[in-house]
Amino acid sequence: MATMVSKRRSTFGVNCVQCDNELIAPEKSEFWNERDIRNLWRCPKCACCFATIVETEPDVMMRDDVFQSLPVA
């Protein structure tokens, strides 16, 4: 696996895999499973679409911890 030096000025976002344009926020994020979040990216410069997977730590609060089901009468 190749390692690349980041040219980003911030600690979030990614660079486009095709043209290396800095992308600040994903177009869409979704829970992939209990621990993984999939971010879908689209570059406005070259229209390349790609996905990244972020693995969360086991002790991180997840969607069900924050948005607990409430009984509805």
N, C-alpha and C. Protein backbone atom coordinates (compact mmCIF):
# COMPACT_ATOMS: atom_id res chain seq x y z
N MET A 1 0.84 -1.18 0.00
CA MET A 1 0.00 0.00 0.00
C MET A 1 0.89 1.24 0.00
N ALA A 2 0.59 2.16 -0.88
CA ALA A 2 1.36 3.40 -0.99
C ALA A 2 0.91 4.40 0.06
N THR A 3 1.83 5.18 0.57
CA THR A 3 1.52 6.24 1.53
C THR A 3 1.73 7.58 0.85
N MET A 4 0.76 8.47 1.01
CA MET A 4 0.85 9.80 0.41
C MET A 4 0.89 10.85 1.51
N VAL A 5 1.66 11.88 1.30
CA VAL A 5 1.71 13.00 2.24
C VAL A 5 0.52 13.89 1.95
N SER A 6 -0.22 14.23 2.99
CA SER A 6 -1.41 15.05 2.83
C SER A 6 -1.04 16.50 2.59
N LYS A 7 -1.74 17.13 1.64
CA LYS A 7 -1.55 18.56 1.37
C LYS A 7 -2.73 19.37 1.93
N ARG A 8 -3.62 18.70 2.64
CA ARG A 8 -4.79 19.38 3.16
C ARG A 8 -4.41 20.35 4.27
N ARG A 9 -5.14 21.45 4.33
CA ARG A 9 -4.91 22.44 5.38
C ARG A 9 -5.71 22.13 6.64
N SER A 10 -6.70 21.24 6.52
CA SER A 10 -7.56 20.94 7.66
C SER A 10 -7.42 19.46 8.02
N THR A 11 -8.06 19.07 9.13
CA THR A 11 -7.99 17.69 9.58
C THR A 11 -9.20 16.89 9.13
N PHE A 12 -10.08 17.47 8.36
CA PHE A 12 -11.24 16.74 7.84
C PHE A 12 -11.25 16.83 6.32
N GLY A 13 -12.12 16.06 5.70
CA GLY A 13 -12.19 16.05 4.25
C GLY A 13 -11.17 15.11 3.65
N VAL A 14 -11.17 15.01 2.33
CA VAL A 14 -10.24 14.15 1.60
C VAL A 14 -9.85 14.86 0.30
N ASN A 15 -8.89 14.29 -0.38
CA ASN A 15 -8.54 14.76 -1.71
C ASN A 15 -9.17 13.82 -2.73
N CYS A 16 -9.61 14.36 -3.84
CA CYS A 16 -10.20 13.57 -4.91
C CYS A 16 -9.20 12.52 -5.38
N VAL A 17 -9.67 11.29 -5.59
CA VAL A 17 -8.79 10.21 -6.01
C VAL A 17 -8.37 10.35 -7.47
N GLN A 18 -9.07 11.20 -8.22
CA GLN A 18 -8.74 11.36 -9.63
C GLN A 18 -7.92 12.62 -9.91
N CYS A 19 -8.36 13.77 -9.41
CA CYS A 19 -7.68 15.04 -9.75
C CYS A 19 -6.97 15.69 -8.56
N ASP A 20 -7.08 15.10 -7.36
CA ASP A 20 -6.43 15.59 -6.14
C ASP A 20 -7.01 16.89 -5.61
N ASN A 21 -8.19 17.28 -6.08
CA ASN A 21 -8.88 18.46 -5.57
C ASN A 21 -9.29 18.23 -4.12
N GLU A 22 -9.14 19.25 -3.27
CA GLU A 22 -9.52 19.12 -1.86
C GLU A 22 -11.04 19.15 -1.73
N LEU A 23 -11.60 18.13 -1.08
CA LEU A 23 -13.05 18.05 -0.83
C LEU A 23 -13.28 18.21 0.66
N ILE A 24 -14.15 19.11 1.03
CA ILE A 24 -14.35 19.45 2.43
C ILE A 24 -15.34 18.53 3.13
N ALA A 25 -16.45 18.20 2.47
CA ALA A 25 -17.49 17.40 3.11
C ALA A 25 -18.05 16.39 2.12
N PRO A 26 -18.44 15.21 2.61
CA PRO A 26 -19.03 14.23 1.71
C PRO A 26 -20.41 14.66 1.23
N GLU A 27 -20.81 14.14 0.08
CA GLU A 27 -22.14 14.41 -0.44
C GLU A 27 -23.20 13.69 0.38
N LYS A 28 -22.82 12.51 0.90
CA LYS A 28 -23.75 11.71 1.70
C LYS A 28 -22.94 10.84 2.65
N SER A 29 -23.48 10.62 3.85
CA SER A 29 -22.88 9.71 4.83
C SER A 29 -23.95 8.76 5.30
N GLU A 30 -23.57 7.50 5.53
CA GLU A 30 -24.55 6.52 5.99
C GLU A 30 -23.87 5.49 6.88
N PHE A 31 -24.64 4.95 7.81
CA PHE A 31 -24.13 3.89 8.66
C PHE A 31 -24.06 2.63 7.82
N TRP A 32 -22.86 2.08 7.68
CA TRP A 32 -22.63 0.89 6.87
C TRP A 32 -22.94 -0.36 7.69
N ASN A 33 -22.53 -0.36 8.95
CA ASN A 33 -22.84 -1.42 9.90
C ASN A 33 -22.68 -0.85 11.31
N GLU A 34 -22.51 -1.69 12.30
CA GLU A 34 -22.44 -1.23 13.69
C GLU A 34 -21.28 -0.28 13.97
N ARG A 35 -20.15 -0.45 13.27
CA ARG A 35 -18.96 0.35 13.58
C ARG A 35 -18.48 1.23 12.44
N ASP A 36 -18.98 1.02 11.24
CA ASP A 36 -18.44 1.72 10.08
C ASP A 36 -19.42 2.73 9.50
N ILE A 37 -18.87 3.85 9.07
CA ILE A 37 -19.65 4.90 8.41
C ILE A 37 -19.09 5.05 7.00
N ARG A 38 -19.96 4.99 5.99
CA ARG A 38 -19.52 5.16 4.61
C ARG A 38 -19.82 6.58 4.17
N ASN A 39 -18.81 7.26 3.67
CA ASN A 39 -18.96 8.61 3.13
C ASN A 39 -18.88 8.53 1.61
N LEU A 40 -19.85 9.14 0.94
CA LEU A 40 -19.88 9.19 -0.52
C LEU A 40 -19.45 10.59 -0.95
N TRP A 41 -18.46 10.64 -1.82
CA TRP A 41 -17.86 11.90 -2.26
C TRP A 41 -18.08 12.10 -3.74
N ARG A 42 -18.25 13.37 -4.15
CA ARG A 42 -18.32 13.73 -5.57
C ARG A 42 -17.52 15.00 -5.75
N CYS A 43 -16.58 14.93 -6.64
CA CYS A 43 -15.70 16.08 -6.89
C CYS A 43 -16.37 17.04 -7.87
N PRO A 44 -16.54 18.32 -7.50
CA PRO A 44 -17.17 19.27 -8.42
C PRO A 44 -16.25 19.66 -9.58
N LYS A 45 -14.95 19.41 -9.42
CA LYS A 45 -13.99 19.78 -10.45
C LYS A 45 -13.97 18.77 -11.61
N CYS A 46 -13.97 17.46 -11.29
CA CYS A 46 -13.86 16.45 -12.34
C CYS A 46 -15.03 15.46 -12.37
N ALA A 47 -15.99 15.62 -11.44
CA ALA A 47 -17.20 14.78 -11.34
C ALA A 47 -16.90 13.33 -10.96
N CYS A 48 -15.73 13.06 -10.42
CA CYS A 48 -15.40 11.72 -9.95
C CYS A 48 -16.20 11.40 -8.69
N CYS A 49 -16.76 10.19 -8.61
CA CYS A 49 -17.50 9.75 -7.43
C CYS A 49 -16.75 8.58 -6.79
N PHE A 50 -16.63 8.60 -5.46
CA PHE A 50 -15.97 7.51 -4.76
C PHE A 50 -16.46 7.48 -3.32
N ALA A 51 -16.15 6.39 -2.62
CA ALA A 51 -16.60 6.21 -1.24
C ALA A 51 -15.41 5.96 -0.34
N THR A 52 -15.54 6.37 0.92
CA THR A 52 -14.56 6.04 1.95
C THR A 52 -15.31 5.43 3.12
N ILE A 53 -14.64 4.56 3.85
CA ILE A 53 -15.22 3.93 5.03
C ILE A 53 -14.44 4.42 6.24
N VAL A 54 -15.15 4.90 7.26
CA VAL A 54 -14.54 5.35 8.51
C VAL A 54 -14.94 4.36 9.59
N GLU A 55 -13.95 3.74 10.21
CA GLU A 55 -14.22 2.79 11.28
C GLU A 55 -14.20 3.53 12.61
N THR A 56 -15.28 3.45 13.37
CA THR A 56 -15.36 4.13 14.66
C THR A 56 -14.83 3.22 15.76
N GLU A 57 -14.41 3.82 16.84
CA GLU A 57 -13.95 3.07 18.00
C GLU A 57 -15.16 2.43 18.69
N PRO A 58 -14.97 1.30 19.38
CA PRO A 58 -16.09 0.62 20.04
C PRO A 58 -16.81 1.46 21.08
N ASP A 59 -16.12 2.42 21.72
CA ASP A 59 -16.75 3.21 22.79
C ASP A 59 -17.36 4.51 22.28
N VAL A 60 -17.39 4.74 20.97
CA VAL A 60 -17.98 5.95 20.40
C VAL A 60 -19.50 5.79 20.35
N MET A 61 -20.21 6.85 20.71
CA MET A 61 -21.67 6.80 20.64
C MET A 61 -22.12 6.71 19.18
N MET A 62 -23.06 5.85 18.92
CA MET A 62 -23.56 5.66 17.57
C MET A 62 -24.98 6.22 17.46
N ARG A 63 -25.55 6.11 16.29
CA ARG A 63 -26.87 6.66 15.99
C ARG A 63 -27.92 6.20 17.00
N ASP A 64 -27.95 4.91 17.33
CA ASP A 64 -28.97 4.39 18.24
C ASP A 64 -28.78 4.91 19.67
N ASP A 65 -27.55 5.29 20.02
CA ASP A 65 -27.32 5.88 21.34
C ASP A 65 -27.87 7.29 21.42
N VAL A 66 -27.77 8.02 20.33
CA VAL A 66 -28.20 9.41 20.29
C VAL A 66 -29.70 9.51 20.01
N PHE A 67 -30.18 8.75 19.04
CA PHE A 67 -31.59 8.80 18.64
C PHE A 67 -32.29 7.53 19.11
N GLN A 68 -32.51 7.43 20.39
CA GLN A 68 -33.17 6.26 20.94
C GLN A 68 -34.64 6.27 20.57
N SER A 69 -35.18 5.07 20.37
CA SER A 69 -36.59 4.95 20.04
C SER A 69 -37.45 5.39 21.21
N LEU A 70 -38.48 6.16 20.91
CA LEU A 70 -39.42 6.61 21.94
C LEU A 70 -40.78 5.99 21.67
N PRO A 71 -41.44 5.52 22.72
CA PRO A 71 -42.79 4.98 22.51
C PRO A 71 -43.76 6.08 22.08
N VAL A 72 -44.58 5.75 21.12
CA VAL A 72 -45.57 6.72 20.61
C VAL A 72 -46.95 6.21 20.99
N ALA A 73 -47.74 7.06 21.62
CA ALA A 73 -49.08 6.66 22.06
C ALA A 73 -50.09 6.85 20.97
